[in-house]
Each structure stands twice: as C-alpha cells, then as structure tokens.
C-alpha cells in the first residue's frame, strides 16, 4: 500500500480476535485497509467503537420493538387510542389500524 510498516499492539490484536466479524474476512480486510490509508501513525489503531462494539447484540425482533414503542406512546397519551392528542395521531395511524395492531401484539390497557 506504499505505507511504512506499522506496529500492531497486543491490545489491538486481542480486540481483533475477540470481535465476531459479522462481515467475515472482507470486513477485517476493509477495516485494516481503510485504517492504513487514512492513518498517519506508527502503530495500527482503530476507532475504539469499530472493533469493540457488536452491533448485532442490540437487534430485537421488529414486533418486539413495535410493541414497546406503541406501549410507550399509549402510556404517554394515557391510553387514549383515538381523537386529538391520541396515540393514533402520534403514530400517524388510523385508530382502527392501531386497534388491530394492539390485538395482534396482545396489548391491553391495564385495569385499575
């Protein structure tokens, strides 16, 4: 790549080994190449979040995220489904569509 040799620290090697590499070897190759191209240093360094975070850990099923968000909006609107300042208006949904989603997702207004 026309660059001077760089040192790879033990910490960097350990981080590279512990990262799950969801993009496989191509992701590793691209990361090393871009770091070498853009860096001006004598040790190979990555942005701390580049290899320490595993973004797939935060993934949840869409229905679970949808359920949580609808619940959050309903609670904020005191379980008002339709009308002015209602959950349906905040969500940009027809009230009947929201009711259907509530039924499908098993969301019921708490009693009491």
PDB file of N, CA and C in Angstrom:
ATOM      1  N   UNK A   1       0.828  -1.203   0.000  1.00  0.00           N
ATOM      2  CA  UNK A   1       0.000   0.000   0.000  1.00  0.00           C
ATOM      3  C   UNK A   1       0.865   1.258   0.000  1.00  0.00           C
ATOM      4  N   UNK A   2       2.158   1.079  -0.084  1.00  0.00           N
ATOM      5  CA  UNK A   2       3.028   2.239  -0.133  1.00  0.00           C
ATOM      6  C   UNK A   2       3.195   2.928   1.209  1.00  0.00           C
ATOM      7  N   UNK A   3       2.862   2.270   2.295  1.00  0.00           N
ATOM      8  CA  UNK A   3       2.980   2.852   3.635  1.00  0.00           C
ATOM      9  C   UNK A   3       4.165   2.220   4.349  1.00  0.00           C
ATOM     10  N   UNK A   4       4.714   2.935   5.290  1.00  0.00           N
ATOM     11  CA  UNK A   4       5.763   2.374   6.139  1.00  0.00           C
ATOM     12  C   UNK A   4       5.146   1.305   7.023  1.00  0.00           C
ATOM     13  N   UNK A   5       5.937   0.307   7.395  1.00  0.00           N
ATOM     14  CA  UNK A   5       5.399  -0.733   8.286  1.00  0.00           C
ATOM     15  C   UNK A   5       4.899  -0.122   9.596  1.00  0.00           C
ATOM     16  N   UNK A   6       3.842  -0.697  10.131  1.00  0.00           N
ATOM     17  CA  UNK A   6       3.289  -0.227  11.404  1.00  0.00           C
ATOM     18  C   UNK A   6       3.279  -1.373  12.405  1.00  0.00           C
ATOM     19  N   UNK A   7       3.322  -1.007  13.662  1.00  0.00           N
ATOM     20  CA  UNK A   7       3.262  -1.983  14.745  1.00  0.00           C
ATOM     21  C   UNK A   7       1.802  -2.237  15.097  1.00  0.00           C
ATOM     22  N   UNK A   8       1.488  -3.470  15.423  1.00  0.00           N
ATOM     23  CA  UNK A   8       0.150  -3.804  15.908  1.00  0.00           C
ATOM     24  C   UNK A   8       0.301  -4.180  17.381  1.00  0.00           C
ATOM     25  N   UNK A   9      -0.340  -3.410  18.247  1.00  0.00           N
ATOM     26  CA  UNK A   9      -0.201  -3.645  19.687  1.00  0.00           C
ATOM     27  C   UNK A   9      -0.922  -4.917  20.110  1.00  0.00           C
ATOM     28  N   UNK A  10      -0.525  -5.471  21.247  1.00  0.00           N
ATOM     29  CA  UNK A  10      -1.190  -6.667  21.783  1.00  0.00           C
ATOM     30  C   UNK A  10      -2.673  -6.385  22.043  1.00  0.00           C
ATOM     31  N   UNK A  11      -2.953  -5.181  22.521  1.00  0.00           N
ATOM     32  CA  UNK A  11      -4.344  -4.796  22.786  1.00  0.00           C
ATOM     33  C   UNK A  11      -5.173  -4.833  21.498  1.00  0.00           C
ATOM     34  N   UNK A  12      -4.603  -4.310  20.416  1.00  0.00           N
ATOM     35  CA  UNK A  12      -5.304  -4.301  19.131  1.00  0.00           C
ATOM     36  C   UNK A  12      -5.511  -5.717  18.621  1.00  0.00           C
ATOM     37  N   UNK A  13      -4.493  -6.563  18.731  1.00  0.00           N
ATOM     38  CA  UNK A  13      -4.625  -7.956  18.294  1.00  0.00           C
ATOM     39  C   UNK A  13      -5.705  -8.663  19.092  1.00  0.00           C
ATOM     40  N   UNK A  14      -5.734  -8.436  20.402  1.00  0.00           N
ATOM     41  CA  UNK A  14      -6.743  -9.064  21.247  1.00  0.00           C
ATOM     42  C   UNK A  14      -8.143  -8.589  20.848  1.00  0.00           C
ATOM     43  N   UNK A  15      -8.293  -7.294  20.614  1.00  0.00           N
ATOM     44  CA  UNK A  15      -9.593  -6.755  20.203  1.00  0.00           C
ATOM     45  C   UNK A  15     -10.017  -7.332  18.855  1.00  0.00           C
ATOM     46  N   UNK A  16      -9.080  -7.464  17.936  1.00  0.00           N
ATOM     47  CA  UNK A  16      -9.393  -8.045  16.626  1.00  0.00           C
ATOM     48  C   UNK A  16      -9.819  -9.507  16.760  1.00  0.00           C
ATOM     49  N   UNK A  17      -9.179 -10.238  17.659  1.00  0.00           N
ATOM     50  CA  UNK A  17      -9.516 -11.646  17.861  1.00  0.00           C
ATOM     51  C   UNK A  17     -10.859 -11.832  18.556  1.00  0.00           C
ATOM     52  N   UNK A  18     -11.238 -10.908  19.424  1.00  0.00           N
ATOM     53  CA  UNK A  18     -12.479 -11.037  20.176  1.00  0.00           C
ATOM     54  C   UNK A  18     -13.700 -10.563  19.397  1.00  0.00           C
ATOM     55  N   UNK A  19     -13.493  -9.724  18.403  1.00  0.00           N
ATOM     56  CA  UNK A  19     -14.612  -9.203  17.609  1.00  0.00           C
ATOM     57  C   UNK A  19     -15.209 -10.329  16.775  1.00  0.00           C
ATOM     58  N   UNK A  20     -16.547 -10.443  16.688  1.00  0.00           N
ATOM     59  CA  UNK A  20     -17.175 -11.580  15.996  1.00  0.00           C
ATOM     60  C   UNK A  20     -17.086 -11.532  14.459  1.00  0.00           C
ATOM     61  N   UNK A  21     -16.726 -10.421  13.866  1.00  0.00           N
ATOM     62  CA  UNK A  21     -16.591 -10.254  12.422  1.00  0.00           C
ATOM     63  C   UNK A  21     -17.809 -10.755  11.654  1.00  0.00           C
ATOM     64  N   UNK A  22     -18.959 -10.074  11.840  1.00  0.00           N
ATOM     65  CA  UNK A  22     -20.167 -10.491  11.114  1.00  0.00           C
ATOM     66  C   UNK A  22     -20.005 -10.401   9.600  1.00  0.00           C
ATOM     67  N   UNK A  23     -19.107  -9.553   9.122  1.00  0.00           N
ATOM     68  CA  UNK A  23     -18.872  -9.437   7.682  1.00  0.00           C
ATOM     69  C   UNK A  23     -17.759 -10.353   7.204  1.00  0.00           C
ATOM     70  N   UNK A  24     -17.285 -11.233   8.087  1.00  0.00           N
ATOM     71  CA  UNK A  24     -16.257 -12.202   7.777  1.00  0.00           C
ATOM     72  C   UNK A  24     -14.929 -11.525   7.456  1.00  0.00           C
ATOM     73  N   UNK A  25     -14.079 -12.191   6.695  1.00  0.00           N
ATOM     74  CA  UNK A  25     -12.727 -11.703   6.449  1.00  0.00           C
ATOM     75  C   UNK A  25     -12.733 -10.417   5.613  1.00  0.00           C
ATOM     76  N   UNK A  26     -13.742 -10.221   4.770  1.00  0.00           N
ATOM     77  CA  UNK A  26     -13.805  -8.988   3.978  1.00  0.00           C
ATOM     78  C   UNK A  26     -13.938  -7.762   4.867  1.00  0.00           C
ATOM     79  N   UNK A  27     -14.697  -7.899   5.946  1.00  0.00           N
ATOM     80  CA  UNK A  27     -14.850  -6.776   6.879  1.00  0.00           C
ATOM     81  C   UNK A  27     -13.506  -6.454   7.542  1.00  0.00           C
ATOM     82  N   UNK A  28     -12.782  -7.474   7.943  1.00  0.00           N
ATOM     83  CA  UNK A  28     -11.457  -7.279   8.540  1.00  0.00           C
ATOM     84  C   UNK A  28     -10.515  -6.615   7.535  1.00  0.00           C
ATOM     85  N   UNK A  29     -10.487  -7.122   6.318  1.00  0.00           N
ATOM     86  CA  UNK A  29      -9.623  -6.569   5.268  1.00  0.00           C
ATOM     87  C   UNK A  29      -9.946  -5.097   5.024  1.00  0.00           C
ATOM     88  N   UNK A  30     -11.235  -4.783   4.884  1.00  0.00           N
ATOM     89  CA  UNK A  30     -11.647  -3.391   4.633  1.00  0.00           C
ATOM     90  C   UNK A  30     -11.283  -2.482   5.799  1.00  0.00           C
ATOM     91  N   UNK A  31     -11.458  -2.968   7.025  1.00  0.00           N
ATOM     92  CA  UNK A  31     -11.121  -2.173   8.200  1.00  0.00           C
ATOM     93  C   UNK A  31      -9.631  -1.862   8.246  1.00  0.00           C
ATOM     94  N   UNK A  32      -8.799  -2.884   8.036  1.00  0.00           N
ATOM     95  CA  UNK A  32      -7.350  -2.685   8.078  1.00  0.00           C
ATOM     96  C   UNK A  32      -6.919  -1.754   6.950  1.00  0.00           C
ATOM     97  N   UNK A  33      -7.423  -1.983   5.732  1.00  0.00           N
ATOM     98  CA  UNK A  33      -7.047  -1.123   4.606  1.00  0.00           C
ATOM     99  C   UNK A  33      -7.433   0.332   4.851  1.00  0.00           C
ATOM    100  N   UNK A  34      -8.667   0.567   5.281  1.00  0.00           N
ATOM    101  CA  UNK A  34      -9.100   1.955   5.481  1.00  0.00           C
ATOM    102  C   UNK A  34      -8.335   2.614   6.615  1.00  0.00           C
ATOM    103  N   UNK A  35      -8.000   1.844   7.653  1.00  0.00           N
ATOM    104  CA  UNK A  35      -7.220   2.397   8.758  1.00  0.00           C
ATOM    105  C   UNK A  35      -5.812   2.756   8.293  1.00  0.00           C
ATOM    106  N   UNK A  36      -5.221   1.904   7.481  1.00  0.00           N
ATOM    107  CA  UNK A  36      -3.879   2.185   6.966  1.00  0.00           C
ATOM    108  C   UNK A  36      -3.878   3.374   6.015  1.00  0.00           C
ATOM    109  N   UNK A  37      -4.899   3.464   5.163  1.00  0.00           N
ATOM    110  CA  UNK A  37      -4.964   4.548   4.184  1.00  0.00           C
ATOM    111  C   UNK A  37      -5.159   5.897   4.858  1.00  0.00           C
ATOM    112  N   UNK A  38      -6.038   5.959   5.841  1.00  0.00           N
ATOM    113  CA  UNK A  38      -6.387   7.243   6.452  1.00  0.00           C
ATOM    114  C   UNK A  38      -5.490   7.627   7.622  1.00  0.00           C
ATOM    115  N   UNK A  39      -4.749   6.671   8.171  1.00  0.00           N
ATOM    116  CA  UNK A  39      -3.969   6.962   9.370  1.00  0.00           C
ATOM    117  C   UNK A  39      -2.579   7.483   9.077  1.00  0.00           C
ATOM    118  N   UNK A  40      -2.079   8.240  10.015  1.00  0.00           N
ATOM    119  CA  UNK A  40      -0.698   8.724   9.973  1.00  0.00           C
ATOM    120  C   UNK A  40      -0.098   8.387  11.347  1.00  0.00           C
ATOM    121  N   UNK A  41       0.471   7.204  11.444  1.00  0.00           N
ATOM    122  CA  UNK A  41       0.926   6.727  12.740  1.00  0.00           C
ATOM    123  C   UNK A  41       1.931   5.604  12.554  1.00  0.00           C
ATOM    124  N   UNK A  42       2.544   5.202  13.658  1.00  0.00           N
ATOM    125  CA  UNK A  42       3.476   4.085  13.587  1.00  0.00           C
ATOM    126  C   UNK A  42       2.900   2.819  14.235  1.00  0.00           C
ATOM    127  N   UNK A  43       1.709   2.942  14.831  1.00  0.00           N
ATOM    128  CA  UNK A  43       1.013   1.790  15.396  1.00  0.00           C
ATOM    129  C   UNK A  43      -0.378   1.725  14.788  1.00  0.00           C
ATOM    130  N   UNK A  44      -0.804   0.521  14.463  1.00  0.00           N
ATOM    131  CA  UNK A  44      -2.137   0.336  13.887  1.00  0.00           C
ATOM    132  C   UNK A  44      -3.178   0.572  14.970  1.00  0.00           C
ATOM    133  N   UNK A  45      -3.995   1.591  14.785  1.00  0.00           N
ATOM    134  CA  UNK A  45      -5.018   1.950  15.772  1.00  0.00           C
ATOM    135  C   UNK A  45      -6.363   2.039  15.071  1.00  0.00           C
ATOM    136  N   UNK A  46      -7.391   1.552  15.733  1.00  0.00           N
ATOM    137  CA  UNK A  46      -8.747   1.622  15.223  1.00  0.00           C
ATOM    138  C   UNK A  46      -9.557   2.530  16.123  1.00  0.00           C
ATOM    139  N   UNK A  47     -10.599   3.112  15.573  1.00  0.00           N
ATOM    140  CA  UNK A  47     -11.537   3.845  16.422  1.00  0.00           C
ATOM    141  C   UNK A  47     -12.014   2.857  17.472  1.00  0.00           C
ATOM    142  N   UNK A  48     -12.136   3.291  18.707  1.00  0.00           N
ATOM    143  CA  UNK A  48     -12.462   2.352  19.785  1.00  0.00           C
ATOM    144  C   UNK A  48     -13.763   1.603  19.536  1.00  0.00           C
ATOM    145  N   UNK A  49     -14.764   2.242  18.930  1.00  0.00           N
ATOM    146  CA  UNK A  49     -16.041   1.570  18.715  1.00  0.00           C
ATOM    147  C   UNK A  49     -16.019   0.635  17.509  1.00  0.00           C
ATOM    148  N   UNK A  50     -15.039   0.764  16.629  1.00  0.00           N
ATOM    149  CA  UNK A  50     -15.024  -0.002  15.389  1.00  0.00           C
ATOM    150  C   UNK A  50     -14.965  -1.494  15.632  1.00  0.00           C
ATOM    151  N   UNK A  51     -14.146  -1.914  16.561  1.00  0.00           N
ATOM    152  CA  UNK A  51     -13.999  -3.353  16.779  1.00  0.00           C
ATOM    153  C   UNK A  51     -14.441  -3.810  18.159  1.00  0.00           C
ATOM    154  N   UNK A  52     -14.887  -2.901  19.001  1.00  0.00           N
ATOM    155  CA  UNK A  52     -15.299  -3.319  20.334  1.00  0.00           C
ATOM    156  C   UNK A  52     -16.800  -3.498  20.449  1.00  0.00           C
ATOM    157  N   UNK A  53     -17.546  -2.821  19.608  1.00  0.00           N
ATOM    158  CA  UNK A  53     -18.991  -2.967  19.666  1.00  0.00           C
ATOM    159  C   UNK A  53     -19.434  -4.052  18.708  1.00  0.00           C
ATOM    160  N   UNK A  54     -20.417  -4.800  19.109  1.00  0.00           N
ATOM    161  CA  UNK A  54     -21.031  -5.768  18.214  1.00  0.00           C
ATOM    162  C   UNK A  54     -22.447  -5.285  17.969  1.00  0.00           C
ATOM    163  N   UNK A  55     -22.690  -4.620  16.851  1.00  0.00           N
ATOM    164  CA  UNK A  55     -23.997  -4.029  16.628  1.00  0.00           C
ATOM    165  C   UNK A  55     -25.132  -5.031  16.602  1.00  0.00           C
ATOM    166  N   UNK A  56     -24.845  -6.281  16.330  1.00  0.00           N
ATOM    167  CA  UNK A  56     -25.926  -7.261  16.273  1.00  0.00           C
ATOM    168  C   UNK A  56     -26.454  -7.611  17.660  1.00  0.00           C
ATOM    169  N   UNK A  57     -25.738  -7.241  18.725  1.00  0.00           N
ATOM    170  CA  UNK A  57     -26.225  -7.520  20.071  1.00  0.00           C
ATOM    171  C   UNK A  57     -27.499  -6.743  20.384  1.00  0.00           C
ATOM    172  N   UNK A  58     -27.677  -5.603  19.736  1.00  0.00           N
ATOM    173  CA  UNK A  58     -28.823  -4.758  20.030  1.00  0.00           C
ATOM    174  C   UNK A  58     -30.050  -5.084  19.189  1.00  0.00           C
ATOM    175  N   UNK A  59     -29.925  -6.018  18.267  1.00  0.00           N
ATOM    176  CA  UNK A  59     -31.061  -6.330  17.412  1.00  0.00           C
ATOM    177  C   UNK A  59     -32.123  -7.089  18.183  1.00  0.00           C
ATOM    178  N   UNK A  60     -33.369  -6.679  17.934  1.00  0.00           N
ATOM    179  CA  UNK A  60     -34.513  -7.369  18.516  1.00  0.00           C
ATOM    180  C   UNK A  60     -35.519  -7.574  17.402  1.00  0.00           C
ATOM    181  N   UNK A  61     -36.423  -8.509  17.566  1.00  0.00           N
ATOM    182  CA  UNK A  61     -37.445  -8.681  16.543  1.00  0.00           C
ATOM    183  C   UNK A  61     -38.258  -7.399  16.368  1.00  0.00           C
ATOM    184  N   UNK A  62     -38.641  -7.125  15.130  1.00  0.00           N
ATOM    185  CA  UNK A  62     -39.379  -5.904  14.822  1.00  0.00           C
ATOM    186  C   UNK A  62     -40.659  -5.803  15.647  1.00  0.00           C
ATOM    187  N   UNK A  63     -41.401  -6.902  15.774  1.00  0.00           N
ATOM    188  CA  UNK A  63     -42.652  -6.856  16.543  1.00  0.00           C
ATOM    189  C   UNK A  63     -42.412  -6.473  17.996  1.00  0.00           C
ATOM    190  N   UNK A  64     -41.305  -6.903  18.557  1.00  0.00           N
ATOM    191  CA  UNK A  64     -40.981  -6.546  19.942  1.00  0.00           C
ATOM    192  C   UNK A  64     -40.715  -5.043  20.056  1.00  0.00           C
ATOM    193  N   UNK A  65     -39.955  -4.501  19.099  1.00  0.00           N
ATOM    194  CA  UNK A  65     -39.680  -3.064  19.111  1.00  0.00           C
ATOM    195  C   UNK A  65     -40.966  -2.280  18.875  1.00  0.00           C
ATOM    196  N   UNK A  66     -41.789  -2.754  17.946  1.00  0.00           N
ATOM    197  CA  UNK A  66     -43.059  -2.085  17.660  1.00  0.00           C
ATOM    198  C   UNK A  66     -43.954  -2.101  18.896  1.00  0.00           C
ATOM    199  N   UNK A  67     -44.018  -3.246  19.549  1.00  0.00           N
ATOM    200  CA  UNK A  67     -44.846  -3.375  20.758  1.00  0.00           C
ATOM    201  C   UNK A  67     -44.381  -2.400  21.837  1.00  0.00           C
ATOM    202  N   UNK A  68     -43.084  -2.359  22.077  1.00  0.00           N
ATOM    203  CA  UNK A  68     -42.538  -1.458  23.094  1.00  0.00           C
ATOM    204  C   UNK A  68     -42.842   0.004  22.772  1.00  0.00           C
ATOM    205  N   UNK A  69     -42.700   0.375  21.495  1.00  0.00           N
ATOM    206  CA  UNK A  69     -42.937   1.765  21.101  1.00  0.00           C
ATOM    207  C   UNK A  69     -44.414   2.128  21.237  1.00  0.00           C
ATOM    208  N   UNK A  70     -45.293   1.245  20.784  1.00  0.00           N
ATOM    209  CA  UNK A  70     -46.724   1.516  20.908  1.00  0.00           C
ATOM    210  C   UNK A  70     -47.115   1.645  22.373  1.00  0.00           C
ATOM    211  N   UNK A  71     -46.589   0.770  23.212  1.00  0.00           N
ATOM    212  CA  UNK A  71     -46.862   0.865  24.656  1.00  0.00           C
ATOM    213  C   UNK A  71     -46.383   2.191  25.228  1.00  0.00           C
ATOM    214  N   UNK A  72     -45.214   2.623  24.813  1.00  0.00           N
ATOM    215  CA  UNK A  72     -44.658   3.893  25.284  1.00  0.00           C
ATOM    216  C   UNK A  72     -45.576   5.052  24.891  1.00  0.00           C
ATOM    217  N   UNK A  73     -46.055   5.053  23.659  1.00  0.00           N
ATOM    218  CA  UNK A  73     -46.935   6.122  23.191  1.00  0.00           C
ATOM    219  C   UNK A  73     -48.281   6.061  23.911  1.00  0.00           C
ATOM    220  N   UNK A  74     -48.828   4.865  24.062  1.00  0.00           N
ATOM    221  CA  UNK A  74     -50.110   4.725  24.764  1.00  0.00           C
ATOM    222  C   UNK A  74     -50.013   5.244  26.202  1.00  0.00           C
ATOM    223  N   UNK A  75     -48.954   4.893  26.880  1.00  0.00           N
ATOM    224  CA  UNK A  75     -48.778   5.360  28.260  1.00  0.00           C
ATOM    225  C   UNK A  75     -48.661   6.881  28.308  1.00  0.00           C
ATOM    226  N   UNK A  76     -47.912   7.437  27.347  1.00  0.00           N
ATOM    227  CA  UNK A  76     -47.737   8.894  27.311  1.00  0.00           C
ATOM    228  C   UNK A  76     -49.053   9.613  27.001  1.00  0.00           C
ATOM    229  N   UNK A  77     -49.953   8.950  26.310  1.00  0.00           N
ATOM    230  CA  UNK A  77     -51.251   9.535  25.944  1.00  0.00           C
ATOM    231  C   UNK A  77     -52.384   9.000  26.821  1.00  0.00           C
ATOM    232  N   UNK A  78     -52.021   8.455  27.981  1.00  0.00           N
ATOM    233  CA  UNK A  78     -52.995   7.923  28.950  1.00  0.00           C
ATOM    234  C   UNK A  78     -53.966   6.945  28.305  1.00  0.00           C
ATOM    235  N   UNK A  79     -53.452   6.118  27.416  1.00  0.00           N
ATOM    236  CA  UNK A  79     -54.201   5.055  26.753  1.00  0.00           C
ATOM    237  C   UNK A  79     -55.336   5.576  25.879  1.00  0.00           C
ATOM    238  N   UNK A  80     -55.247   6.818  25.467  1.00  0.00           N
ATOM    239  CA  UNK A  80     -56.233   7.384  24.540  1.00  0.00           C
ATOM    240  C   UNK A  80     -55.859   6.919  23.132  1.00  0.00           C
ATOM    241  N   UNK A  81     -56.716   6.103  22.521  1.00  0.00           N
ATOM    242  CA  UNK A  81     -56.413   5.494  21.231  1.00  0.00           C
ATOM    243  C   UNK A  81     -56.745   6.419  20.068  1.00  0.00           C
ATOM    244  N   UNK A  82     -57.862   7.132  20.146  1.00  0.00           N
ATOM    245  CA  UNK A  82     -58.245   7.983  19.010  1.00  0.00           C
ATOM    246  C   UNK A  82     -58.632   9.374  19.465  1.00  0.00           C
ATOM    247  N   UNK A  83     -58.696  10.275  18.504  1.00  0.00           N
ATOM    248  CA  UNK A  83     -59.055  11.654  18.792  1.00  0.00           C
ATOM    249  C   UNK A  83     -57.821  12.545  18.851  1.00  0.00           C
ATOM    250  N   UNK A  84     -58.075  13.794  19.224  1.00  0.00           N
ATOM    251  CA  UNK A  84     -56.980  14.764  19.322  1.00  0.00           C
ATOM    252  C   UNK A  84     -56.003  14.333  20.415  1.00  0.00           C
ATOM    253  N   UNK A  85     -54.717  14.492  20.149  1.00  0.00           N
ATOM    254  CA  UNK A  85     -53.669  14.163  21.121  1.00  0.00           C
ATOM    255  C   UNK A  85     -53.728  12.703  21.577  1.00  0.00           C
ATOM    256  N   UNK A  86     -54.057  11.805  20.665  1.00  0.00           N
ATOM    257  CA  UNK A  86     -54.163  10.381  20.978  1.00  0.00           C
ATOM    258  C   UNK A  86     -52.946   9.612  20.468  1.00  0.00           C
ATOM    259  N   UNK A  87     -52.876   8.358  20.851  1.00  0.00           N
ATOM    260  CA  UNK A  87     -51.777   7.502  20.383  1.00  0.00           C
ATOM    261  C   UNK A  87     -51.822   7.348  18.864  1.00  0.00           C
ATOM    262  N   UNK A  88     -53.021   7.179  18.303  1.00  0.00           N
ATOM    263  CA  UNK A  88     -53.140   7.028  16.851  1.00  0.00           C
ATOM    264  C   UNK A  88     -52.623   8.266  16.123  1.00  0.00           C
ATOM    265  N   UNK A  89     -52.929   9.455  16.655  1.00  0.00           N
ATOM    266  CA  UNK A  89     -52.458  10.679  15.992  1.00  0.00           C
ATOM    267  C   UNK A  89     -50.943  10.815  16.087  1.00  0.00           C
ATOM    268  N   UNK A  90     -50.369  10.447  17.226  1.00  0.00           N
ATOM    269  CA  UNK A  90     -48.910  10.496  17.388  1.00  0.00           C
ATOM    270  C   UNK A  90     -48.240   9.497  16.448  1.00  0.00           C
ATOM    271  N   UNK A  91     -48.818   8.306  16.323  1.00  0.00           N
ATOM    272  CA  UNK A  91     -48.240   7.259  15.494  1.00  0.00           C
ATOM    273  C   UNK A  91     -48.535   7.448  14.010  1.00  0.00           C
ATOM    274  N   UNK A  92     -49.435   8.380  13.694  1.00  0.00           N
ATOM    275  CA  UNK A  92     -49.801   8.595  12.299  1.00  0.00           C
ATOM    276  C   UNK A  92     -50.573   7.430  11.727  1.00  0.00           C
ATOM    277  N   UNK A  93     -51.413   6.824  12.572  1.00  0.00           N
ATOM    278  CA  UNK A  93     -52.175   5.641  12.167  1.00  0.00           C
ATOM    279  C   UNK A  93     -53.664   5.917  12.268  1.00  0.00           C
ATOM    280  N   UNK A  94     -54.412   5.206  11.457  1.00  0.00           N
ATOM    281  CA  UNK A  94     -55.854   5.196  11.602  1.00  0.00           C
ATOM    282  C   UNK A  94     -56.149   4.491  12.932  1.00  0.00           C
ATOM    283  N   UNK A  95     -57.083   5.002  13.738  1.00  0.00           N
ATOM    284  CA  UNK A  95     -57.383   4.359  15.022  1.00  0.00           C
ATOM    285  C   UNK A  95     -57.754   2.881  14.886  1.00  0.00           C
ATOM    286  N   UNK A  96     -58.465   2.521  13.815  1.00  0.00           N
ATOM    287  CA  UNK A  96     -58.822   1.108  13.621  1.00  0.00           C
ATOM    288  C   UNK A  96     -57.579   0.257  13.339  1.00  0.00           C
ATOM    289  N   UNK A  97     -56.637   0.818  12.613  1.00  0.00           N
ATOM    290  CA  UNK A  97     -55.379   0.114  12.356  1.00  0.00           C
ATOM    291  C   UNK A  97     -54.623  -0.078  13.657  1.00  0.00           C
ATOM    292  N   UNK A  98     -54.600   0.950  14.494  1.00  0.00           N
ATOM    293  CA  UNK A  98     -53.934   0.839  15.787  1.00  0.00           C
ATOM    294  C   UNK A  98     -54.611  -0.223  16.647  1.00  0.00           C
ATOM    295  N   UNK A  99     -55.924  -0.237  16.661  1.00  0.00           N
ATOM    296  CA  UNK A  99     -56.631  -1.265  17.440  1.00  0.00           C
ATOM    297  C   UNK A  99     -56.277  -2.669  16.948  1.00  0.00           C
ATOM    298  N   UNK A 100     -56.179  -2.839  15.635  1.00  0.00           N
ATOM    299  CA  UNK A 100     -55.797  -4.142  15.072  1.00  0.00           C
ATOM    300  C   UNK A 100     -54.381  -4.528  15.505  1.00  0.00           C
ATOM    301  N   UNK A 101     -53.468  -3.551  15.522  1.00  0.00           N
ATOM    302  CA  UNK A 101     -52.097  -3.821  15.959  1.00  0.00           C
ATOM    303  C   UNK A 101     -52.059  -4.194  17.445  1.00  0.00           C
ATOM    304  N   UNK A 102     -52.877  -3.490  18.240  1.00  0.00           N
ATOM    305  CA  UNK A 102     -52.943  -3.798  19.671  1.00  0.00           C
ATOM    306  C   UNK A 102     -53.381  -5.246  19.879  1.00  0.00           C
ATOM    307  N   UNK A 103     -54.385  -5.650  19.121  1.00  0.00           N
ATOM    308  CA  UNK A 103     -54.894  -7.020  19.239  1.00  0.00           C
ATOM    309  C   UNK A 103     -53.823  -8.023  18.798  1.00  0.00           C
ATOM    310  N   UNK A 104     -53.194  -7.769  17.655  1.00  0.00           N
ATOM    311  CA  UNK A 104     -52.179  -8.682  17.138  1.00  0.00           C
ATOM    312  C   UNK A 104     -50.999  -8.801  18.094  1.00  0.00           C
ATOM    313  N   UNK A 105     -50.598  -7.685  18.699  1.00  0.00           N
ATOM    314  CA  UNK A 105     -49.439  -7.683  19.583  1.00  0.00           C
ATOM    315  C   UNK A 105     -49.798  -8.049  21.034  1.00  0.00           C
ATOM    316  N   UNK A 106     -51.076  -8.282  21.299  1.00  0.00           N
ATOM    317  CA  UNK A 106     -51.506  -8.676  22.638  1.00  0.00           C
ATOM    318  C   UNK A 106     -51.409  -7.551  23.656  1.00  0.00           C
ATOM    319  N   UNK A 107     -51.597  -6.340  23.210  1.00  0.00           N
ATOM    320  CA  UNK A 107     -51.508  -5.181  24.106  1.00  0.00           C
ATOM    321  C   UNK A 107     -52.894  -4.850  24.625  1.00  0.00           C
ATOM    322  N   UNK A 108     -53.027  -4.826  25.943  1.00  0.00           N
ATOM    323  CA  UNK A 108     -54.314  -4.489  26.580  1.00  0.00           C
ATOM    324  C   UNK A 108     -54.090  -3.421  27.623  1.00  0.00           C
ATOM    325  N   UNK A 109     -55.063  -2.535  27.726  1.00  0.00           N
ATOM    326  CA  UNK A 109     -54.993  -1.482  28.736  1.00  0.00           C
ATOM    327  C   UNK A 109     -55.028  -2.112  30.107  1.00  0.00           C
ATOM    328  N   UNK A 110     -54.092  -1.737  30.959  1.00  0.00           N
ATOM    329  CA  UNK A 110     -54.084  -2.301  32.314  1.00  0.00           C
ATOM    330  C   UNK A 110     -55.339  -1.880  33.076  1.00  0.00           C
ATOM    331  N   UNK A 111     -55.865  -2.783  33.845  1.00  0.00           N
ATOM    332  CA  UNK A 111     -57.041  -2.439  34.647  1.00  0.00           C
ATOM    333  C   UNK A 111     -56.601  -1.750  35.925  1.00  0.00           C
ATOM    334  N   UNK A 112     -57.431  -0.815  36.327  1.00  0.00           N
ATOM    335  CA  UNK A 112     -57.145  -0.153  37.583  1.00  0.00           C
ATOM    336  C   UNK A 112     -56.716   1.206  37.473  1.00  0.00           C
TER     337      UNK A 112
END
